[in-house]
Amino acid sequence: MVAYTIDVKRGNANENPSFLQFGLFIFFFPQLVAGPIVRHGEFFYQLEVWNAKKEQLFEGYYLVFLGLLKKVVIADNLSPIIEPIFQNPDAYDGVSNALAMFGYAARVFCDFSGYTDLARGLGKLLGINLPENFHAPYLSASVRELWTRWHMTLATWIKDYIYFPLGGSRVSEWRGYFNLILTFTLAGFWHGANFTFIIWGFLHGLMLSIERKVEIVTNKPKKESVVLWKKGIGIAYTFLFFVLTIPFFNAPTVKNAVSMLFRSFVYAPGERIGQLEKILYSLLLTFLLNYLQTKPSFPRDSWTTKVSLLFLFLFSFVVTVLLGYLAPGGTEFIYFQF
């Protein structure tokens, strides 16, 4: 709604759209609460040329069950293990605090990308394609790349409506760094009026500025083939940075966040939380899901209708069985808080 109002002011949107189109755009329930953020132009165009195809319906059905797998089987099972540590890190030892941060990385990806899959799946079942919001973010080789793969529609919205109006990178070098840091600090504030979110956003903006400075100093070309081991180091560095900022995203206070980081690094004594193996299994599944996002999506072009239907039946059956055995009870989607 805010973006549409700004676009009308800029002359990039129709001031008097069809009441029906505008109503559907504002109240389209699959993405109403937590995205993905769809632009009015994309949405209005799809309404005008609406023509649902069977491949779209197949993919929608698949995405709904994939979202349930991520949310209920992985994210919801991690929540009761790691959340007590974020609430009271001083009661747990260093290993538990460290693994809770890594576990939350798995949880937040599966929770939010699971919601996005559900939203996109329901949209496709209704004949509307919502934009992809996550594309293998944990395989990013830099924080800059991470933010082209994580919550992609929000990152684009922030760039278009905050970063560019501030001047973007079309200003002096140090003003460009300031714009980056301010943009992400405001993005942190958007998540909640809490110093933890502000620090989280500031840290991401700061790291993006540092990466840009290093790129300028080393005169590194933007497009170059990357050696596999260098790519691996980049992925490890990016994921570790993301994990180390997690306490400021999820802990209720700055004190709790700092305590988690401190106790993780000094191997502090305390209670050892049980079921830590679930965190390790969930991390492996999370990276597998990220890897699969780099592969051709379902349904494959080479598959016949019968093969696609058989795959859908088997996949939905397996997910339903897992839901029956592993569903711990519903927990709210993380991004419903924001």
Protein backbone atom coordinates (compact mmCIF):
# COMPACT_ATOMS: atom_id res chain seq x y z
CA MET A 1 0.00 0.00 0.00
CA VAL A 2 2.85 2.39 0.91
CA ALA A 3 4.73 1.50 -2.27
CA TYR A 4 1.60 2.05 -4.39
CA THR A 5 1.03 5.48 -2.84
CA ILE A 6 4.67 6.46 -3.50
CA ASP A 7 4.45 5.18 -7.09
CA VAL A 8 1.30 7.26 -7.67
CA LYS A 9 3.17 10.30 -6.36
CA ARG A 10 6.08 9.55 -8.69
CA GLY A 11 3.74 9.05 -11.63
CA ASN A 12 4.57 5.35 -11.91
CA ALA A 13 1.08 4.06 -11.05
CA ASN A 14 -2.49 4.73 -12.11
CA GLU A 15 -4.27 7.07 -9.70
CA ASN A 16 -7.66 5.54 -10.50
CA PRO A 17 -7.26 1.77 -10.90
CA SER A 18 -10.18 -0.61 -11.23
CA PHE A 19 -11.84 -0.99 -7.82
CA LEU A 20 -11.90 -4.78 -8.25
CA GLN A 21 -8.24 -4.98 -9.28
CA PHE A 22 -7.12 -2.71 -6.46
CA GLY A 23 -9.20 -4.62 -3.91
CA LEU A 24 -7.72 -7.95 -5.02
CA PHE A 25 -4.22 -6.43 -4.90
CA ILE A 26 -4.64 -5.17 -1.33
CA PHE A 27 -6.51 -8.16 0.08
CA PHE A 28 -4.97 -11.08 -1.84
CA PHE A 29 -4.86 -13.41 1.17
CA PRO A 30 -1.87 -15.68 0.36
CA GLN A 31 0.60 -12.81 0.75
CA LEU A 32 -1.45 -10.39 2.84
CA VAL A 33 0.34 -10.86 6.18
CA ALA A 34 4.02 -11.52 5.47
CA GLY A 35 4.65 -11.31 1.75
CA PRO A 36 6.23 -11.94 -0.61
CA ILE A 37 5.88 -8.29 -1.60
CA VAL A 38 4.33 -8.10 -5.06
CA ARG A 39 4.40 -4.93 -7.18
CA HIS A 40 1.09 -3.52 -8.36
CA GLY A 41 2.14 -3.63 -12.01
CA GLU A 42 2.95 -7.34 -11.90
CA PHE A 43 -0.29 -8.15 -10.08
CA PHE A 44 -2.60 -6.04 -12.27
CA TYR A 45 -1.06 -7.50 -15.44
CA GLN A 46 -1.64 -11.08 -14.24
CA LEU A 47 -5.29 -10.26 -13.54
CA GLU A 48 -5.69 -8.91 -17.07
CA VAL A 49 -4.16 -11.98 -18.77
CA TRP A 50 -5.29 -14.56 -16.20
CA ASN A 51 -5.03 -18.06 -17.66
CA ALA A 52 -4.18 -20.81 -15.16
CA LYS A 53 -2.33 -23.78 -16.64
CA LYS A 54 -1.97 -27.30 -15.31
CA GLU A 55 1.79 -26.85 -14.78
CA GLN A 56 0.99 -23.85 -12.59
CA LEU A 57 -1.47 -25.92 -10.56
CA PHE A 58 1.03 -28.77 -10.21
CA GLU A 59 3.72 -26.40 -8.95
CA GLY A 60 1.26 -24.74 -6.58
CA TYR A 61 0.29 -28.08 -5.03
CA TYR A 62 3.98 -28.99 -4.68
CA LEU A 63 4.89 -25.67 -3.05
CA VAL A 64 2.10 -25.96 -0.48
CA PHE A 65 3.40 -29.32 0.73
CA LEU A 66 7.02 -28.14 0.57
CA GLY A 67 6.07 -25.18 2.75
CA LEU A 68 4.37 -27.47 5.27
CA LEU A 69 7.47 -29.67 5.35
CA LYS A 70 9.74 -26.71 6.09
CA LYS A 71 7.47 -25.03 8.61
CA VAL A 72 5.94 -27.91 10.58
CA VAL A 73 8.52 -30.69 10.30
CA ILE A 74 11.70 -28.59 10.64
CA ALA A 75 11.03 -25.09 12.03
CA ASP A 76 8.36 -26.00 14.60
CA ASN A 77 10.44 -28.89 15.96
CA LEU A 78 13.41 -26.58 16.51
CA SER A 79 11.46 -23.90 18.35
CA PRO A 80 11.03 -25.64 21.76
CA ILE A 81 14.71 -26.67 21.75
CA ILE A 82 16.35 -23.32 21.05
CA GLU A 83 13.92 -20.65 22.27
CA PRO A 84 14.56 -21.26 26.02
CA ILE A 85 18.24 -20.51 25.39
CA PHE A 86 17.50 -17.15 23.75
CA GLN A 87 15.24 -16.28 26.67
CA ASN A 88 17.82 -17.20 29.34
CA PRO A 89 21.29 -17.75 27.85
CA ASP A 90 23.07 -17.52 31.22
CA ALA A 91 21.48 -20.79 32.33
CA TYR A 92 23.05 -22.79 29.47
CA ASP A 93 26.61 -23.71 28.56
CA GLY A 94 28.61 -22.34 25.64
CA VAL A 95 27.89 -25.27 23.33
CA SER A 96 24.13 -24.91 23.83
CA ASN A 97 24.29 -21.16 23.17
CA ALA A 98 26.35 -21.63 20.00
CA LEU A 99 24.14 -24.40 18.65
CA ALA A 100 21.02 -22.37 19.44
CA MET A 101 22.29 -19.64 17.09
CA PHE A 102 22.96 -22.16 14.33
CA GLY A 103 19.62 -23.81 15.02
CA TYR A 104 17.82 -20.50 14.65
CA ALA A 105 19.46 -20.04 11.25
CA ALA A 106 17.78 -23.29 10.18
CA ARG A 107 14.52 -22.33 11.86
CA VAL A 108 14.17 -18.83 10.42
CA PHE A 109 14.95 -20.05 6.89
CA CYS A 110 12.51 -22.96 7.05
CA ASP A 111 9.85 -20.87 8.81
CA PHE A 112 9.88 -17.89 6.49
CA SER A 113 10.71 -19.63 3.22
CA GLY A 114 8.09 -22.22 4.22
CA TYR A 115 5.51 -19.44 4.58
CA THR A 116 6.59 -18.03 1.22
CA ASP A 117 6.22 -21.45 -0.40
CA LEU A 118 2.70 -21.73 1.04
CA ALA A 119 1.82 -18.24 -0.19
CA ARG A 120 3.26 -18.85 -3.66
CA GLY A 121 1.63 -22.27 -3.83
CA LEU A 122 -1.81 -20.94 -2.94
CA GLY A 123 -1.28 -18.09 -5.39
CA LYS A 124 -0.48 -20.51 -8.21
CA LEU A 125 -3.55 -22.60 -7.37
CA LEU A 126 -5.53 -19.38 -7.91
CA GLY A 127 -3.69 -18.62 -11.14
CA ILE A 128 -1.44 -15.87 -9.74
CA ASN A 129 2.37 -16.11 -9.73
CA LEU A 130 3.89 -14.46 -6.66
CA PRO A 131 7.61 -13.63 -6.83
CA GLU A 132 10.29 -15.91 -5.44
CA ASN A 133 11.51 -14.66 -2.06
CA PHE A 134 14.39 -16.99 -1.21
CA HIS A 135 16.92 -18.51 -3.58
CA ALA A 136 19.60 -20.55 -1.80
CA PRO A 137 20.64 -17.69 0.54
CA TYR A 138 22.90 -19.91 2.66
CA LEU A 139 25.01 -20.67 -0.42
CA SER A 140 25.91 -16.99 -0.83
CA ALA A 141 29.63 -16.18 -0.97
CA SER A 142 29.24 -12.65 0.44
CA VAL A 143 26.81 -10.64 2.54
CA ARG A 144 26.07 -8.60 -0.56
CA GLU A 145 25.06 -11.77 -2.42
CA LEU A 146 23.08 -12.92 0.62
CA TRP A 147 20.83 -9.88 0.33
CA THR A 148 20.11 -10.68 -3.31
CA ARG A 149 18.88 -14.14 -2.22
CA TRP A 150 17.28 -13.56 1.22
CA HIS A 151 13.81 -12.01 1.45
CA MET A 152 14.38 -10.80 -2.08
CA THR A 153 11.16 -8.81 -2.41
CA LEU A 154 11.83 -6.86 0.80
CA ALA A 155 15.44 -6.22 -0.23
CA THR A 156 14.23 -4.83 -3.56
CA TRP A 157 11.57 -2.72 -1.81
CA ILE A 158 14.17 -1.28 0.57
CA LYS A 159 16.51 -0.53 -2.33
CA ASP A 160 13.83 1.23 -4.39
CA TYR A 161 12.08 3.19 -1.63
CA ILE A 162 14.85 3.91 0.90
CA TYR A 163 18.33 3.36 -0.54
CA PHE A 164 17.88 5.01 -3.95
CA PRO A 165 16.03 8.08 -2.57
CA LEU A 166 18.98 8.59 -0.18
CA GLY A 167 21.26 8.73 -3.21
CA GLY A 168 22.28 5.08 -3.37
CA SER A 169 25.86 4.66 -4.54
CA ARG A 170 25.66 7.63 -6.93
CA VAL A 171 27.26 9.85 -4.30
CA SER A 172 30.70 10.18 -2.72
CA GLU A 173 32.31 6.98 -1.46
CA TRP A 174 31.79 7.66 2.24
CA ARG A 175 28.27 8.98 1.70
CA GLY A 176 27.55 5.71 -0.10
CA TYR A 177 28.68 3.76 2.97
CA PHE A 178 26.50 5.97 5.16
CA ASN A 179 23.51 5.33 2.89
CA LEU A 180 24.03 1.56 3.13
CA ILE A 181 24.33 1.60 6.91
CA LEU A 182 21.35 3.93 7.37
CA THR A 183 19.20 1.87 4.98
CA PHE A 184 19.81 -1.38 6.82
CA THR A 185 19.51 0.25 10.22
CA LEU A 186 16.06 1.48 9.16
CA ALA A 187 15.29 -2.02 7.86
CA GLY A 188 16.18 -3.34 11.31
CA PHE A 189 13.88 -0.76 12.91
CA TRP A 190 11.09 -1.92 10.55
CA HIS A 191 11.28 -5.35 12.21
CA GLY A 192 10.54 -3.81 15.60
CA ALA A 193 11.20 -0.75 17.79
CA ASN A 194 13.82 -2.60 19.80
CA PHE A 195 17.55 -1.87 20.02
CA THR A 196 18.26 -5.50 19.14
CA PHE A 197 16.75 -5.10 15.65
CA ILE A 198 18.47 -1.74 15.15
CA ILE A 199 21.87 -3.28 16.01
CA TRP A 200 21.13 -6.24 13.72
CA GLY A 201 20.37 -3.93 10.80
CA PHE A 202 23.38 -1.72 11.55
CA LEU A 203 25.74 -4.74 11.54
CA HIS A 204 24.49 -5.89 8.15
CA GLY A 205 24.82 -2.39 6.71
CA LEU A 206 28.31 -2.09 8.18
CA MET A 207 29.43 -5.42 6.72
CA LEU A 208 28.04 -4.49 3.30
CA SER A 209 30.04 -1.25 3.47
CA ILE A 210 33.20 -3.12 4.46
CA GLU A 211 32.76 -5.54 1.56
CA ARG A 212 32.31 -2.64 -0.84
CA LYS A 213 35.45 -0.93 0.51
CA VAL A 214 37.48 -4.14 0.16
CA GLU A 215 36.22 -4.50 -3.41
CA ILE A 216 37.36 -0.95 -4.20
CA VAL A 217 40.77 -1.35 -2.53
CA THR A 218 41.52 -4.69 -4.20
CA ASN A 219 40.02 -3.48 -7.49
CA LYS A 220 38.27 -6.83 -7.77
CA PRO A 221 36.18 -7.22 -10.95
CA LYS A 222 32.48 -7.71 -10.33
CA LYS A 223 32.26 -10.57 -12.82
CA GLU A 224 34.84 -13.31 -12.61
CA SER A 225 35.00 -17.07 -12.40
CA VAL A 226 35.39 -18.19 -8.80
CA VAL A 227 37.62 -21.07 -7.72
CA LEU A 228 35.61 -23.69 -5.84
CA TRP A 229 37.60 -23.45 -2.59
CA LYS A 230 37.29 -19.66 -2.59
CA LYS A 231 33.55 -20.03 -3.08
CA GLY A 232 33.49 -22.43 -0.10
CA ILE A 233 35.36 -19.96 2.10
CA GLY A 234 32.95 -17.22 1.04
CA ILE A 235 29.93 -19.36 1.91
CA ALA A 236 31.39 -20.22 5.32
CA TYR A 237 32.23 -16.58 6.09
CA THR A 238 28.79 -15.32 5.03
CA PHE A 239 26.87 -17.97 6.93
CA LEU A 240 28.99 -17.46 10.05
CA PHE A 241 28.41 -13.70 9.93
CA PHE A 242 24.67 -14.29 9.55
CA VAL A 243 24.68 -16.68 12.52
CA LEU A 244 26.66 -14.28 14.73
CA THR A 245 24.08 -11.52 14.14
CA ILE A 246 21.16 -13.81 14.97
CA PRO A 247 21.14 -13.07 18.74
CA PHE A 248 20.34 -9.43 17.95
CA PHE A 249 17.47 -10.59 15.74
CA ASN A 250 15.85 -13.11 18.08
CA ALA A 251 16.96 -12.42 21.66
CA PRO A 252 14.50 -10.26 23.63
CA THR A 253 17.17 -7.85 24.90
CA VAL A 254 20.64 -6.61 23.97
CA LYS A 255 21.90 -8.10 27.25
CA ASN A 256 20.68 -11.56 26.23
CA ALA A 257 22.20 -11.21 22.78
CA VAL A 258 25.62 -10.17 24.11
CA SER A 259 25.49 -12.92 26.73
CA MET A 260 24.80 -15.56 24.06
CA LEU A 261 27.78 -14.44 22.01
CA PHE A 262 30.09 -14.20 25.02
CA ARG A 263 29.15 -17.60 26.44
CA SER A 264 29.53 -19.21 23.02
CA PHE A 265 33.09 -17.94 22.61
CA VAL A 266 34.39 -18.66 26.12
CA TYR A 267 32.87 -22.15 26.34
CA ALA A 268 30.97 -21.15 29.48
CA PRO A 269 29.67 -23.80 31.90
CA GLY A 270 25.96 -24.37 32.45
CA GLU A 271 23.11 -26.68 31.58
CA ARG A 272 23.47 -28.65 28.34
CA ILE A 273 20.22 -28.63 26.41
CA GLY A 274 18.95 -31.98 25.16
CA GLN A 275 18.10 -33.04 21.61
CA LEU A 276 21.05 -31.15 20.14
CA GLU A 277 21.21 -33.74 17.37
CA LYS A 278 17.94 -32.30 16.03
CA ILE A 279 19.75 -29.02 15.41
CA LEU A 280 22.48 -30.78 13.43
CA TYR A 281 19.98 -32.78 11.36
CA SER A 282 17.94 -29.63 10.71
CA LEU A 283 21.04 -27.74 9.56
CA LEU A 284 21.88 -30.51 7.11
CA LEU A 285 18.32 -30.51 5.77
CA THR A 286 18.38 -26.71 5.52
CA PHE A 287 21.53 -26.72 3.41
CA LEU A 288 20.07 -29.52 1.28
CA LEU A 289 16.95 -27.41 0.70
CA ASN A 290 19.17 -24.46 -0.24
CA TYR A 291 21.08 -26.64 -2.69
CA LEU A 292 17.86 -27.94 -4.26
CA GLN A 293 16.79 -24.33 -4.89
CA THR A 294 19.69 -24.07 -7.36
CA LYS A 295 18.26 -26.96 -9.41
CA PRO A 296 15.36 -26.92 -11.90
CA SER A 297 12.06 -26.52 -10.08
CA PHE A 298 9.06 -28.82 -10.25
CA PRO A 299 7.45 -29.78 -12.57
CA ARG A 300 10.38 -30.64 -14.84
CA ASP A 301 9.92 -29.80 -18.51
CA SER A 302 10.80 -33.35 -19.50
CA TRP A 303 8.13 -34.93 -17.27
CA THR A 304 4.81 -36.10 -18.62
CA THR A 305 1.56 -35.31 -16.84
CA LYS A 306 1.42 -38.84 -15.43
CA VAL A 307 4.95 -38.62 -14.03
CA SER A 308 4.20 -35.22 -12.47
CA LEU A 309 1.01 -36.51 -10.85
CA LEU A 310 2.81 -39.60 -9.52
CA PHE A 311 5.55 -37.43 -8.01
CA LEU A 312 2.97 -35.11 -6.43
CA PHE A 313 1.11 -38.05 -4.92
CA LEU A 314 4.25 -39.61 -3.44
CA PHE A 315 5.64 -36.29 -2.19
CA SER A 316 2.38 -35.20 -0.56
CA PHE A 317 1.94 -38.67 0.97
CA VAL A 318 5.44 -38.60 2.53
CA VAL A 319 4.93 -35.06 3.86
CA THR A 320 1.52 -35.99 5.31
CA VAL A 321 3.05 -38.99 7.12
CA LEU A 322 5.85 -36.79 8.49
CA LEU A 323 3.29 -34.23 9.65
CA GLY A 324 1.41 -36.96 11.48
CA TYR A 325 4.49 -38.23 13.28
CA LEU A 326 6.55 -35.08 13.78
CA ALA A 327 4.10 -32.17 14.05
CA PRO A 328 4.77 -30.76 17.55
CA GLY A 329 1.79 -28.41 17.63
CA GLY A 330 1.33 -25.15 15.79
CA THR A 331 3.62 -22.17 16.40
CA GLU A 332 3.15 -18.75 14.86
CA PHE A 333 5.17 -17.85 11.78
CA ILE A 334 8.15 -15.72 12.83
CA TYR A 335 7.40 -12.90 10.39
CA PHE A 336 3.84 -12.53 11.66
CA GLN A 337 5.49 -10.55 14.48
CA PHE A 338 6.70 -7.81 12.15
